[in-house]
Each structure stands twice: as structure tokens, then as C-alpha cells.
Amino acid sequence: MTHTDLRSDALPTTVRDFLAASTVHDADTASSFLAEDVVVVDQSETFRGRDEVYAFVRDAGAEFEYTTEQISARRVDDEHWVVTLRIEGTFPGGVADLDYRFTLRGDLITELVIANHTA
């Protein structure tokens, strides 16, 4: 069953806490929610394993000032969740709506695909 427009507190703790940590580039905390074999795809770049994803979380967007706001979230099934974030800041274009598509195994993230939001 798919639910749309979930509140943040209705998301799995893993997803919610990973997003909170990654938004402030807290790679140590964000990494604690990752499986050893995690794969993250951000637009056209792929990061494999905890070490590469750690560096990605630490460095991604660090050169810009920005805010994030959750604009929607949905549960696809027990293992798959999609959170859409609106990011506004000093990066080219100034505003982006991005889908964060999470795959979970237990309490760990095994895959995260970040892509432009599609309606």
C-alpha cells in the first residue's frame, strides 16, 4: 500500500535521521544508517560502499548555502520509501525539487537514488 504526503515522523527512523544528518553534512552520523554495501546514485554519479558514501555526504553541496524542506513523502512498501525535498540556495538555478528514493534492509539503507522530482 502506498501512502502519499506522509509527515516526517511517519517515515522510518533510519530515513528521517539519515536526512537530518546528511543535510548538515554530518557524515559520521549519516554513515551509521548505511549498510556496508550501500550504493548511492546522485544524478549521474554512483558511490559504492560506506567509505565513498561517507565522503559524498561530507562534501555534497558544501560549497553552497541552502535550506531543505520536505514537500512530500511516500511509502512504496516496507523496504522502499520516497522523500521529495525542495532545496533552495546559492547553487546554480537556486531551487531544486529532488526525490530521495531509499531502499532499506532492516534498519539500514542499502540504496539511495537522488534524482530530479517527477510529478
PDB file of N, CA and C in Angstrom:
ATOM      1  N   MET A   1       0.846  -1.178   0.000  1.00  0.00           N
ATOM      2  CA  MET A   1       0.000   0.000   0.000  1.00  0.00           C
ATOM      3  C   MET A   1       0.888   1.236   0.000  1.00  0.00           C
ATOM      4  N   THR A   2       0.569   2.196  -0.833  1.00  0.00           N
ATOM      5  CA  THR A   2       1.341   3.420  -0.925  1.00  0.00           C
ATOM      6  C   THR A   2       0.583   4.551  -0.256  1.00  0.00           C
ATOM      7  N   HIS A   3       1.275   5.288   0.591  1.00  0.00           N
ATOM      8  CA  HIS A   3       0.702   6.466   1.228  1.00  0.00           C
ATOM      9  C   HIS A   3       1.485   7.673   0.732  1.00  0.00           C
ATOM     10  N   THR A   4       0.801   8.754   0.416  1.00  0.00           N
ATOM     11  CA  THR A   4       1.490   9.954  -0.022  1.00  0.00           C
ATOM     12  C   THR A   4       1.375  11.032   1.033  1.00  0.00           C
ATOM     13  N   ASP A   5       2.251  11.992   0.922  1.00  0.00           N
ATOM     14  CA  ASP A   5       2.261  13.141   1.818  1.00  0.00           C
ATOM     15  C   ASP A   5       2.334  12.745   3.289  1.00  0.00           C
ATOM     16  N   LEU A   6       3.222  11.822   3.594  1.00  0.00           N
ATOM     17  CA  LEU A   6       3.447  11.432   4.979  1.00  0.00           C
ATOM     18  C   LEU A   6       4.190  12.536   5.712  1.00  0.00           C
ATOM     19  N   ARG A   7       3.886  12.698   6.958  1.00  0.00           N
ATOM     20  CA  ARG A   7       4.658  13.618   7.797  1.00  0.00           C
ATOM     21  C   ARG A   7       6.020  12.990   8.054  1.00  0.00           C
ATOM     22  N   SER A   8       6.974  13.833   8.389  1.00  0.00           N
ATOM     23  CA  SER A   8       8.331  13.345   8.672  1.00  0.00           C
ATOM     24  C   SER A   8       8.331  12.274   9.754  1.00  0.00           C
ATOM     25  N   ASP A   9       7.510  12.456  10.780  1.00  0.00           N
ATOM     26  CA  ASP A   9       7.523  11.483  11.877  1.00  0.00           C
ATOM     27  C   ASP A   9       6.897  10.150  11.496  1.00  0.00           C
ATOM     28  N   ALA A  10       6.275  10.048  10.307  1.00  0.00           N
ATOM     29  CA  ALA A  10       5.728   8.785   9.832  1.00  0.00           C
ATOM     30  C   ALA A  10       6.758   7.989   9.016  1.00  0.00           C
ATOM     31  N   LEU A  11       7.882   8.619   8.712  1.00  0.00           N
ATOM     32  CA  LEU A  11       8.957   7.936   7.993  1.00  0.00           C
ATOM     33  C   LEU A  11       9.710   7.020   8.946  1.00  0.00           C
ATOM     34  N   PRO A  12      10.361   5.980   8.407  1.00  0.00           N
ATOM     35  CA  PRO A  12      11.214   5.166   9.274  1.00  0.00           C
ATOM     36  C   PRO A  12      12.293   6.041   9.919  1.00  0.00           C
ATOM     37  N   THR A  13      12.631   5.731  11.142  1.00  0.00           N
ATOM     38  CA  THR A  13      13.648   6.487  11.864  1.00  0.00           C
ATOM     39  C   THR A  13      14.945   6.556  11.070  1.00  0.00           C
ATOM     40  N   THR A  14      15.310   5.470  10.415  1.00  0.00           N
ATOM     41  CA  THR A  14      16.532   5.428   9.615  1.00  0.00           C
ATOM     42  C   THR A  14      16.531   6.519   8.551  1.00  0.00           C
ATOM     43  N   VAL A  15      15.441   6.633   7.820  1.00  0.00           N
ATOM     44  CA  VAL A  15      15.325   7.627   6.745  1.00  0.00           C
ATOM     45  C   VAL A  15      15.346   9.034   7.327  1.00  0.00           C
ATOM     46  N   ARG A  16      14.542   9.244   8.322  1.00  0.00           N
ATOM     47  CA  ARG A  16      14.424  10.567   8.945  1.00  0.00           C
ATOM     48  C   ARG A  16      15.767  11.036   9.512  1.00  0.00           C
ATOM     49  N   ASP A  17      16.438  10.169  10.242  1.00  0.00           N
ATOM     50  CA  ASP A  17      17.697  10.551  10.872  1.00  0.00           C
ATOM     51  C   ASP A  17      18.835  10.686   9.859  1.00  0.00           C
ATOM     52  N   PHE A  18      18.838   9.852   8.809  1.00  0.00           N
ATOM     53  CA  PHE A  18      19.836   9.999   7.759  1.00  0.00           C
ATOM     54  C   PHE A  18      19.694  11.354   7.071  1.00  0.00           C
ATOM     55  N   LEU A  19      18.463  11.722   6.730  1.00  0.00           N
ATOM     56  CA  LEU A  19      18.236  13.014   6.069  1.00  0.00           C
ATOM     57  C   LEU A  19      18.672  14.172   6.962  1.00  0.00           C
ATOM     58  N   ALA A  20      18.343  14.097   8.234  1.00  0.00           N
ATOM     59  CA  ALA A  20      18.730  15.166   9.158  1.00  0.00           C
ATOM     60  C   ALA A  20      20.251  15.298   9.225  1.00  0.00           C
ATOM     61  N   ALA A  21      20.949  14.178   9.303  1.00  0.00           N
ATOM     62  CA  ALA A  21      22.415  14.211   9.399  1.00  0.00           C
ATOM     63  C   ALA A  21      23.048  14.650   8.086  1.00  0.00           C
ATOM     64  N   SER A  22      22.556  14.139   6.970  1.00  0.00           N
ATOM     65  CA  SER A  22      23.180  14.480   5.694  1.00  0.00           C
ATOM     66  C   SER A  22      22.943  15.933   5.318  1.00  0.00           C
ATOM     67  N   THR A  23      21.821  16.498   5.734  1.00  0.00           N
ATOM     68  CA  THR A  23      21.525  17.899   5.439  1.00  0.00           C
ATOM     69  C   THR A  23      22.560  18.836   6.048  1.00  0.00           C
ATOM     70  N   VAL A  24      23.109  18.457   7.190  1.00  0.00           N
ATOM     71  CA  VAL A  24      24.122  19.294   7.851  1.00  0.00           C
ATOM     72  C   VAL A  24      25.539  18.726   7.650  1.00  0.00           C
ATOM     73  N   HIS A  25      25.682  17.804   6.688  1.00  0.00           N
ATOM     74  CA  HIS A  25      26.971  17.208   6.332  1.00  0.00           C
ATOM     75  C   HIS A  25      27.623  16.480   7.505  1.00  0.00           C
ATOM     76  N   ASP A  26      26.796  15.889   8.377  1.00  0.00           N
ATOM     77  CA  ASP A  26      27.303  15.096   9.499  1.00  0.00           C
ATOM     78  C   ASP A  26      27.492  13.663   8.991  1.00  0.00           C
ATOM     79  N   ALA A  27      28.615  13.455   8.312  1.00  0.00           N
ATOM     80  CA  ALA A  27      28.879  12.167   7.679  1.00  0.00           C
ATOM     81  C   ALA A  27      29.016  11.034   8.690  1.00  0.00           C
ATOM     82  N   ASP A  28      29.527  11.330   9.885  1.00  0.00           N
ATOM     83  CA  ASP A  28      29.669  10.282  10.900  1.00  0.00           C
ATOM     84  C   ASP A  28      28.306   9.713  11.279  1.00  0.00           C
ATOM     85  N   THR A  29      27.356  10.599  11.588  1.00  0.00           N
ATOM     86  CA  THR A  29      26.020  10.133  11.969  1.00  0.00           C
ATOM     87  C   THR A  29      25.308   9.511  10.778  1.00  0.00           C
ATOM     88  N   ALA A  30      25.361  10.165   9.624  1.00  0.00           N
ATOM     89  CA  ALA A  30      24.684   9.631   8.438  1.00  0.00           C
ATOM     90  C   ALA A  30      25.191   8.235   8.103  1.00  0.00           C
ATOM     91  N   SER A  31      26.485   8.008   8.226  1.00  0.00           N
ATOM     92  CA  SER A  31      27.058   6.703   7.900  1.00  0.00           C
ATOM     93  C   SER A  31      26.569   5.592   8.808  1.00  0.00           C
ATOM     94  N   SER A  32      26.145   5.944  10.004  1.00  0.00           N
ATOM     95  CA  SER A  32      25.667   4.912  10.930  1.00  0.00           C
ATOM     96  C   SER A  32      24.359   4.274  10.451  1.00  0.00           C
ATOM     97  N   PHE A  33      23.706   4.866   9.464  1.00  0.00           N
ATOM     98  CA  PHE A  33      22.451   4.336   8.924  1.00  0.00           C
ATOM     99  C   PHE A  33      22.654   3.582   7.616  1.00  0.00           C
ATOM    100  N   LEU A  34      23.899   3.385   7.210  1.00  0.00           N
ATOM    101  CA  LEU A  34      24.220   2.773   5.927  1.00  0.00           C
ATOM    102  C   LEU A  34      24.703   1.346   6.077  1.00  0.00           C
ATOM    103  N   ALA A  35      24.247   0.477   5.176  1.00  0.00           N
ATOM    104  CA  ALA A  35      24.790  -0.871   5.088  1.00  0.00           C
ATOM    105  C   ALA A  35      26.207  -0.775   4.530  1.00  0.00           C
ATOM    106  N   GLU A  36      27.050  -1.756   4.826  1.00  0.00           N
ATOM    107  CA  GLU A  36      28.428  -1.756   4.304  1.00  0.00           C
ATOM    108  C   GLU A  36      28.453  -1.710   2.784  1.00  0.00           C
ATOM    109  N   ASP A  37      27.490  -2.366   2.142  1.00  0.00           N
ATOM    110  CA  ASP A  37      27.453  -2.457   0.678  1.00  0.00           C
ATOM    111  C   ASP A  37      26.514  -1.429   0.042  1.00  0.00           C
ATOM    112  N   VAL A  38      26.259  -0.323   0.722  1.00  0.00           N
ATOM    113  CA  VAL A  38      25.342   0.708   0.243  1.00  0.00           C
ATOM    114  C   VAL A  38      25.783   1.246  -1.125  1.00  0.00           C
ATOM    115  N   VAL A  39      24.782   1.603  -1.928  1.00  0.00           N
ATOM    116  CA  VAL A  39      25.017   2.260  -3.211  1.00  0.00           C
ATOM    117  C   VAL A  39      24.170   3.523  -3.233  1.00  0.00           C
ATOM    118  N   VAL A  40      24.831   4.659  -3.543  1.00  0.00           N
ATOM    119  CA  VAL A  40      24.127   5.931  -3.680  1.00  0.00           C
ATOM    120  C   VAL A  40      24.353   6.444  -5.094  1.00  0.00           C
ATOM    121  N   VAL A  41      23.254   6.790  -5.751  1.00  0.00           N
ATOM    122  CA  VAL A  41      23.318   7.399  -7.073  1.00  0.00           C
ATOM    123  C   VAL A  41      22.757   8.804  -6.939  1.00  0.00           C
ATOM    124  N   ASP A  42      23.595   9.800  -7.245  1.00  0.00           N
ATOM    125  CA  ASP A  42      23.182  11.196  -7.200  1.00  0.00           C
ATOM    126  C   ASP A  42      23.325  11.749  -8.615  1.00  0.00           C
ATOM    127  N   GLN A  43      22.173  11.950  -9.255  1.00  0.00           N
ATOM    128  CA  GLN A  43      22.138  12.368 -10.647  1.00  0.00           C
ATOM    129  C   GLN A  43      22.903  11.329 -11.461  1.00  0.00           C
ATOM    130  N   SER A  44      24.079  11.620 -11.983  1.00  0.00           N
ATOM    131  CA  SER A  44      24.784  10.643 -12.819  1.00  0.00           C
ATOM    132  C   SER A  44      26.007  10.035 -12.132  1.00  0.00           C
ATOM    133  N   GLU A  45      26.212  10.335 -10.861  1.00  0.00           N
ATOM    134  CA  GLU A  45      27.362   9.794 -10.132  1.00  0.00           C
ATOM    135  C   GLU A  45      26.930   8.669  -9.208  1.00  0.00           C
ATOM    136  N   THR A  46      27.752   7.623  -9.140  1.00  0.00           N
ATOM    137  CA  THR A  46      27.467   6.482  -8.274  1.00  0.00           C
ATOM    138  C   THR A  46      28.579   6.346  -7.246  1.00  0.00           C
ATOM    139  N   PHE A  47      28.172   6.143  -5.999  1.00  0.00           N
ATOM    140  CA  PHE A  47      29.086   5.961  -4.878  1.00  0.00           C
ATOM    141  C   PHE A  47      28.783   4.596  -4.263  1.00  0.00           C
ATOM    142  N   ARG A  48      29.822   3.787  -4.084  1.00  0.00           N
ATOM    143  CA  ARG A  48      29.630   2.421  -3.589  1.00  0.00           C
ATOM    144  C   ARG A  48      30.381   2.211  -2.275  1.00  0.00           C
ATOM    145  N   GLY A  49      29.685   1.654  -1.323  1.00  0.00           N
ATOM    146  CA  GLY A  49      30.299   1.331  -0.042  1.00  0.00           C
ATOM    147  C   GLY A  49      30.280   2.515   0.908  1.00  0.00           C
ATOM    148  N   ARG A  50      30.403   2.188   2.166  1.00  0.00           N
ATOM    149  CA  ARG A  50      30.304   3.199   3.216  1.00  0.00           C
ATOM    150  C   ARG A  50      31.344   4.310   3.101  1.00  0.00           C
ATOM    151  N   ASP A  51      32.571   3.979   2.714  1.00  0.00           N
ATOM    152  CA  ASP A  51      33.621   4.999   2.641  1.00  0.00           C
ATOM    153  C   ASP A  51      33.322   6.039   1.568  1.00  0.00           C
ATOM    154  N   GLU A  52      32.932   5.602   0.368  1.00  0.00           N
ATOM    155  CA  GLU A  52      32.603   6.549  -0.701  1.00  0.00           C
ATOM    156  C   GLU A  52      31.384   7.386  -0.350  1.00  0.00           C
ATOM    157  N   VAL A  53      30.379   6.753   0.250  1.00  0.00           N
ATOM    158  CA  VAL A  53      29.164   7.491   0.611  1.00  0.00           C
ATOM    159  C   VAL A  53      29.459   8.468   1.749  1.00  0.00           C
ATOM    160  N   TYR A  54      30.334   8.080   2.658  1.00  0.00           N
ATOM    161  CA  TYR A  54      30.756   8.992   3.723  1.00  0.00           C
ATOM    162  C   TYR A  54      31.298  10.285   3.114  1.00  0.00           C
ATOM    163  N   ALA A  55      32.209  10.165   2.162  1.00  0.00           N
ATOM    164  CA  ALA A  55      32.804  11.344   1.519  1.00  0.00           C
ATOM    165  C   ALA A  55      31.742  12.134   0.753  1.00  0.00           C
ATOM    166  N   PHE A  56      30.824  11.445   0.109  1.00  0.00           N
ATOM    167  CA  PHE A  56      29.741  12.119  -0.618  1.00  0.00           C
ATOM    168  C   PHE A  56      28.896  12.959   0.344  1.00  0.00           C
ATOM    169  N   VAL A  57      28.479  12.377   1.453  1.00  0.00           N
ATOM    170  CA  VAL A  57      27.650  13.100   2.424  1.00  0.00           C
ATOM    171  C   VAL A  57      28.419  14.292   2.996  1.00  0.00           C
ATOM    172  N   ARG A  58      29.672  14.097   3.289  1.00  0.00           N
ATOM    173  CA  ARG A  58      30.505  15.155   3.854  1.00  0.00           C
ATOM    174  C   ARG A  58      30.670  16.333   2.895  1.00  0.00           C
ATOM    175  N   ASP A  59      30.814  16.032   1.606  1.00  0.00           N
ATOM    176  CA  ASP A  59      31.211  17.064   0.640  1.00  0.00           C
ATOM    177  C   ASP A  59      30.093  17.601  -0.246  1.00  0.00           C
ATOM    178  N   ALA A  60      29.034  16.837  -0.458  1.00  0.00           N
ATOM    179  CA  ALA A  60      28.000  17.228  -1.427  1.00  0.00           C
ATOM    180  C   ALA A  60      27.351  18.550  -1.058  1.00  0.00           C
ATOM    181  N   GLY A  61      27.475  19.509  -1.933  1.00  0.00           N
ATOM    182  CA  GLY A  61      26.830  20.800  -1.726  1.00  0.00           C
ATOM    183  C   GLY A  61      27.470  21.679  -0.674  1.00  0.00           C
ATOM    184  N   ALA A  62      28.607  21.264  -0.122  1.00  0.00           N
ATOM    185  CA  ALA A  62      29.226  22.020   0.970  1.00  0.00           C
ATOM    186  C   ALA A  62      29.673  23.417   0.544  1.00  0.00           C
ATOM    187  N   GLU A  63      29.867  23.619  -0.750  1.00  0.00           N
ATOM    188  CA  GLU A  63      30.309  24.929  -1.220  1.00  0.00           C
ATOM    189  C   GLU A  63      29.166  25.933  -1.353  1.00  0.00           C
ATOM    190  N   PHE A  64      27.936  25.475  -1.115  1.00  0.00           N
ATOM    191  CA  PHE A  64      26.765  26.342  -1.244  1.00  0.00           C
ATOM    192  C   PHE A  64      26.063  26.507   0.095  1.00  0.00           C
ATOM    193  N   GLU A  65      25.314  27.592   0.210  1.00  0.00           N
ATOM    194  CA  GLU A  65      24.396  27.769   1.330  1.00  0.00           C
ATOM    195  C   GLU A  65      23.014  27.415   0.816  1.00  0.00           C
ATOM    196  N   TYR A  66      22.280  26.630   1.597  1.00  0.00           N
ATOM    197  CA  TYR A  66      20.948  26.237   1.147  1.00  0.00           C
ATOM    198  C   TYR A  66      20.096  25.768   2.316  1.00  0.00           C
ATOM    199  N   THR A  67      18.805  25.737   2.063  1.00  0.00           N
ATOM    200  CA  THR A  67      17.854  25.181   3.017  1.00  0.00           C
ATOM    201  C   THR A  67      17.138  24.020   2.350  1.00  0.00           C
ATOM    202  N   THR A  68      16.641  23.109   3.161  1.00  0.00           N
ATOM    203  CA  THR A  68      15.862  21.992   2.629  1.00  0.00           C
ATOM    204  C   THR A  68      14.518  21.941   3.332  1.00  0.00           C
ATOM    205  N   GLU A  69      13.521  21.530   2.565  1.00  0.00           N
ATOM    206  CA  GLU A  69      12.176  21.377   3.109  1.00  0.00           C
ATOM    207  C   GLU A  69      11.557  20.123   2.498  1.00  0.00           C
ATOM    208  N   GLN A  70      11.029  19.263   3.349  1.00  0.00           N
ATOM    209  CA  GLN A  70      10.328  18.094   2.844  1.00  0.00           C
ATOM    210  C   GLN A  70       8.996  18.553   2.264  1.00  0.00           C
ATOM    211  N   ILE A  71       8.760  18.244   0.982  1.00  0.00           N
ATOM    212  CA  ILE A  71       7.486  18.645   0.385  1.00  0.00           C
ATOM    213  C   ILE A  71       6.547  17.460   0.181  1.00  0.00           C
ATOM    214  N   SER A  72       7.084  16.243   0.214  1.00  0.00           N
ATOM    215  CA  SER A  72       6.218  15.069   0.199  1.00  0.00           C
ATOM    216  C   SER A  72       7.032  13.839   0.582  1.00  0.00           C
ATOM    217  N   ALA A  73       6.325  12.795   0.926  1.00  0.00           N
ATOM    218  CA  ALA A  73       6.958  11.519   1.235  1.00  0.00           C
ATOM    219  C   ALA A  73       5.924  10.425   1.029  1.00  0.00           C
ATOM    220  N   ARG A  74       6.431   9.265   0.634  1.00  0.00           N
ATOM    221  CA  ARG A  74       5.510   8.141   0.464  1.00  0.00           C
ATOM    222  C   ARG A  74       6.219   6.822   0.713  1.00  0.00           C
ATOM    223  N   ARG A  75       5.425   5.893   1.164  1.00  0.00           N
ATOM    224  CA  ARG A  75       5.883   4.529   1.381  1.00  0.00           C
ATOM    225  C   ARG A  75       5.488   3.734   0.148  1.00  0.00           C
ATOM    226  N   VAL A  76       6.444   3.099  -0.489  1.00  0.00           N
ATOM    227  CA  VAL A  76       6.153   2.233  -1.625  1.00  0.00           C
ATOM    228  C   VAL A  76       5.809   0.844  -1.101  1.00  0.00           C
ATOM    229  N   ASP A  77       6.655   0.331  -0.212  1.00  0.00           N
ATOM    230  CA  ASP A  77       6.423  -0.920   0.504  1.00  0.00           C
ATOM    231  C   ASP A  77       7.336  -0.884   1.730  1.00  0.00           C
ATOM    232  N   ASP A  78       7.449  -1.984   2.445  1.00  0.00           N
ATOM    233  CA  ASP A  78       8.227  -1.975   3.687  1.00  0.00           C
ATOM    234  C   ASP A  78       9.691  -1.606   3.488  1.00  0.00           C
ATOM    235  N   GLU A  79      10.235  -1.835   2.306  1.00  0.00           N
ATOM    236  CA  GLU A  79      11.651  -1.594   2.054  1.00  0.00           C
ATOM    237  C   GLU A  79      11.931  -0.342   1.231  1.00  0.00           C
ATOM    238  N   HIS A  80      10.904   0.262   0.632  1.00  0.00           N
ATOM    239  CA  HIS A  80      11.121   1.369  -0.298  1.00  0.00           C
ATOM    240  C   HIS A  80      10.300   2.593   0.096  1.00  0.00           C
ATOM    241  N   TRP A  81      11.001   3.724   0.194  1.00  0.00           N
ATOM    242  CA  TRP A  81      10.399   4.992   0.595  1.00  0.00           C
ATOM    243  C   TRP A  81      10.916   6.089  -0.319  1.00  0.00           C
ATOM    244  N   VAL A  82      10.078   7.061  -0.625  1.00  0.00           N
ATOM    245  CA  VAL A  82      10.488   8.189  -1.451  1.00  0.00           C
ATOM    246  C   VAL A  82      10.174   9.473  -0.695  1.00  0.00           C
ATOM    247  N   VAL A  83      11.195  10.308  -0.536  1.00  0.00           N
ATOM    248  CA  VAL A  83      11.035  11.603   0.117  1.00  0.00           C
ATOM    249  C   VAL A  83      11.424  12.667  -0.908  1.00  0.00           C
ATOM    250  N   THR A  84      10.535  13.636  -1.114  1.00  0.00           N
ATOM    251  CA  THR A  84      10.837  14.736  -2.032  1.00  0.00           C
ATOM    252  C   THR A  84      11.205  15.961  -1.207  1.00  0.00           C
ATOM    253  N   LEU A  85      12.394  16.476  -1.492  1.00  0.00           N
ATOM    254  CA  LEU A  85      12.898  17.653  -0.791  1.00  0.00           C
ATOM    255  C   LEU A  85      13.008  18.826  -1.759  1.00  0.00           C
ATOM    256  N   ARG A  86      12.625  19.989  -1.285  1.00  0.00           N
ATOM    257  CA  ARG A  86      12.872  21.230  -2.022  1.00  0.00           C
ATOM    258  C   ARG A  86      14.113  21.855  -1.416  1.00  0.00           C
ATOM    259  N   ILE A  87      15.093  22.097  -2.279  1.00  0.00           N
ATOM    260  CA  ILE A  87      16.351  22.691  -1.852  1.00  0.00           C
ATOM    261  C   ILE A  87      16.441  24.071  -2.489  1.00  0.00           C
ATOM    262  N   GLU A  88      16.652  25.085  -1.660  1.00  0.00           N
ATOM    263  CA  GLU A  88      16.789  26.461  -2.148  1.00  0.00           C
ATOM    264  C   GLU A  88      18.089  27.028  -1.624  1.00  0.00           C
ATOM    265  N   GLY A  89      18.857  27.662  -2.537  1.00  0.00           N
ATOM    266  CA  GLY A  89      20.119  28.218  -2.072  1.00  0.00           C
ATOM    267  C   GLY A  89      20.922  28.907  -3.143  1.00  0.00           C
ATOM    268  N   THR A  90      22.224  28.961  -2.898  1.00  0.00           N
ATOM    269  CA  THR A  90      23.139  29.724  -3.739  1.00  0.00           C
ATOM    270  C   THR A  90      23.740  28.900  -4.876  1.00  0.00           C
ATOM    271  N   PHE A  91      23.247  27.718  -5.132  1.00  0.00           N
ATOM    272  CA  PHE A  91      23.733  26.880  -6.224  1.00  0.00           C
ATOM    273  C   PHE A  91      23.081  27.324  -7.544  1.00  0.00           C
ATOM    274  N   PRO A  92      23.651  26.948  -8.684  1.00  0.00           N
ATOM    275  CA  PRO A  92      23.057  27.333  -9.977  1.00  0.00           C
ATOM    276  C   PRO A  92      21.592  26.897 -10.072  1.00  0.00           C
ATOM    277  N   GLY A  93      20.738  27.815 -10.465  1.00  0.00           N
ATOM    278  CA  GLY A  93      19.304  27.534 -10.554  1.00  0.00           C
ATOM    279  C   GLY A  93      18.548  27.943  -9.307  1.00  0.00           C
ATOM    280  N   GLY A  94      19.186  27.870  -8.166  1.00  0.00           N
ATOM    281  CA  GLY A  94      18.627  28.371  -6.919  1.00  0.00           C
ATOM    282  C   GLY A  94      17.563  27.527  -6.241  1.00  0.00           C
ATOM    283  N   VAL A  95      16.804  26.723  -6.996  1.00  0.00           N
ATOM    284  CA  VAL A  95      15.755  25.878  -6.416  1.00  0.00           C
ATOM    285  C   VAL A  95      15.756  24.535  -7.139  1.00  0.00           C
ATOM    286  N   ALA A  96      15.650  23.462  -6.371  1.00  0.00           N
ATOM    287  CA  ALA A  96      15.557  22.128  -6.959  1.00  0.00           C
ATOM    288  C   ALA A  96      14.636  21.270  -6.108  1.00  0.00           C
ATOM    289  N   ASP A  97      13.761  20.536  -6.759  1.00  0.00           N
ATOM    290  CA  ASP A  97      12.942  19.523  -6.094  1.00  0.00           C
ATOM    291  C   ASP A  97      13.559  18.173  -6.441  1.00  0.00           C
ATOM    292  N   LEU A  98      14.009  17.450  -5.411  1.00  0.00           N
ATOM    293  CA  LEU A  98      14.701  16.194  -5.615  1.00  0.00           C
ATOM    294  C   LEU A  98      13.987  15.053  -4.902  1.00  0.00           C
ATOM    295  N   ASP A  99      13.892  13.922  -5.580  1.00  0.00           N
ATOM    296  CA  ASP A  99      13.372  12.697  -4.971  1.00  0.00           C
ATOM    297  C   ASP A  99      14.539  11.914  -4.397  1.00  0.00           C
ATOM    298  N   TYR A 100      14.404  11.539  -3.140  1.00  0.00           N
ATOM    299  CA  TYR A 100      15.355  10.661  -2.470  1.00  0.00           C
ATOM    300  C   TYR A 100      14.656   9.316  -2.347  1.00  0.00           C
ATOM    301  N   ARG A 101      15.078   8.344  -3.153  1.00  0.00           N
ATOM    302  CA  ARG A 101      14.449   7.020  -3.183  1.00  0.00           C
ATOM    303  C   ARG A 101      15.307   6.050  -2.374  1.00  0.00           C
ATOM    304  N   PHE A 102      14.782   5.678  -1.221  1.00  0.00           N
ATOM    305  CA  PHE A 102      15.503   4.826  -0.279  1.00  0.00           C
ATOM    306  C   PHE A 102      15.085   3.372  -0.417  1.00  0.00           C
ATOM    307  N   THR A 103      16.076   2.484  -0.327  1.00  0.00           N
ATOM    308  CA  THR A 103      15.836   1.055  -0.160  1.00  0.00           C
ATOM    309  C   THR A 103      16.449   0.669   1.178  1.00  0.00           C
ATOM    310  N   LEU A 104      15.653   0.018   2.014  1.00  0.00           N
ATOM    311  CA  LEU A 104      16.100  -0.375   3.356  1.00  0.00           C
ATOM    312  C   LEU A 104      16.216  -1.885   3.458  1.00  0.00           C
ATOM    313  N   ARG A 105      17.162  -2.316   4.280  1.00  0.00           N
ATOM    314  CA  ARG A 105      17.262  -3.717   4.685  1.00  0.00           C
ATOM    315  C   ARG A 105      17.342  -3.667   6.197  1.00  0.00           C
ATOM    316  N   GLY A 106      16.244  -4.024   6.834  1.00  0.00           N
ATOM    317  CA  GLY A 106      16.174  -3.865   8.283  1.00  0.00           C
ATOM    318  C   GLY A 106      16.221  -2.381   8.609  1.00  0.00           C
ATOM    319  N   ASP A 107      17.161  -2.002   9.468  1.00  0.00           N
ATOM    320  CA  ASP A 107      17.302  -0.607   9.872  1.00  0.00           C
ATOM    321  C   ASP A 107      18.423   0.119   9.132  1.00  0.00           C
ATOM    322  N   LEU A 108      18.869  -0.441   8.009  1.00  0.00           N
ATOM    323  CA  LEU A 108      19.975   0.167   7.270  1.00  0.00           C
ATOM    324  C   LEU A 108      19.556   0.517   5.843  1.00  0.00           C
ATOM    325  N   ILE A 109      20.170   1.563   5.318  1.00  0.00           N
ATOM    326  CA  ILE A 109      19.948   1.973   3.937  1.00  0.00           C
ATOM    327  C   ILE A 109      20.907   1.181   3.056  1.00  0.00           C
ATOM    328  N   THR A 110      20.351   0.472   2.059  1.00  0.00           N
ATOM    329  CA  THR A 110      21.181  -0.287   1.127  1.00  0.00           C
ATOM    330  C   THR A 110      21.326   0.441  -0.200  1.00  0.00           C
ATOM    331  N   GLU A 111      20.360   1.309  -0.510  1.00  0.00           N
ATOM    332  CA  GLU A 111      20.443   2.063  -1.754  1.00  0.00           C
ATOM    333  C   GLU A 111      19.705   3.390  -1.583  1.00  0.00           C
ATOM    334  N   LEU A 112      20.275   4.429  -2.177  1.00  0.00           N
ATOM    335  CA  LEU A 112      19.645   5.732  -2.223  1.00  0.00           C
ATOM    336  C   LEU A 112      19.874   6.299  -3.609  1.00  0.00           C
ATOM    337  N   VAL A 113      18.778   6.610  -4.285  1.00  0.00           N
ATOM    338  CA  VAL A 113      18.851   7.237  -5.602  1.00  0.00           C
ATOM    339  C   VAL A 113      18.279   8.644  -5.459  1.00  0.00           C
ATOM    340  N   ILE A 114      19.097   9.652  -5.807  1.00  0.00           N
ATOM    341  CA  ILE A 114      18.689  11.052  -5.737  1.00  0.00           C
ATOM    342  C   ILE A 114      18.534  11.542  -7.165  1.00  0.00           C
ATOM    343  N   ALA A 115      17.338  12.009  -7.501  1.00  0.00           N
ATOM    344  CA  ALA A 115      17.064  12.423  -8.872  1.00  0.00           C
ATOM    345  C   ALA A 115      16.070  13.579  -8.871  1.00  0.00           C
ATOM    346  N   ASN A 116      16.032  14.298  -9.965  1.00  0.00           N
ATOM    347  CA  ASN A 116      15.045  15.368 -10.100  1.00  0.00           C
ATOM    348  C   ASN A 116      13.659  14.802  -9.904  1.00  0.00           C
ATOM    349  N   HIS A 117      12.847  15.550  -9.206  1.00  0.00           N
ATOM    350  CA  HIS A 117      11.476  15.129  -8.925  1.00  0.00           C
ATOM    351  C   HIS A 117      10.664  15.108 -10.218  1.00  0.00           C
ATOM    352  N   THR A 118       9.917  14.037 -10.378  1.00  0.00           N
ATOM    353  CA  THR A 118       8.978  13.954 -11.493  1.00  0.00           C
ATOM    354  C   THR A 118       7.583  13.858 -10.924  1.00  0.00           C
ATOM    355  N   ALA A 119       6.687  14.644 -11.481  1.00  0.00           N
ATOM    356  CA  ALA A 119       5.313  14.688 -10.956  1.00  0.00           C
ATOM    357  C   ALA A 119       4.562  13.426 -11.220  1.00  0.00           C
TER     358      ALA A 119
END
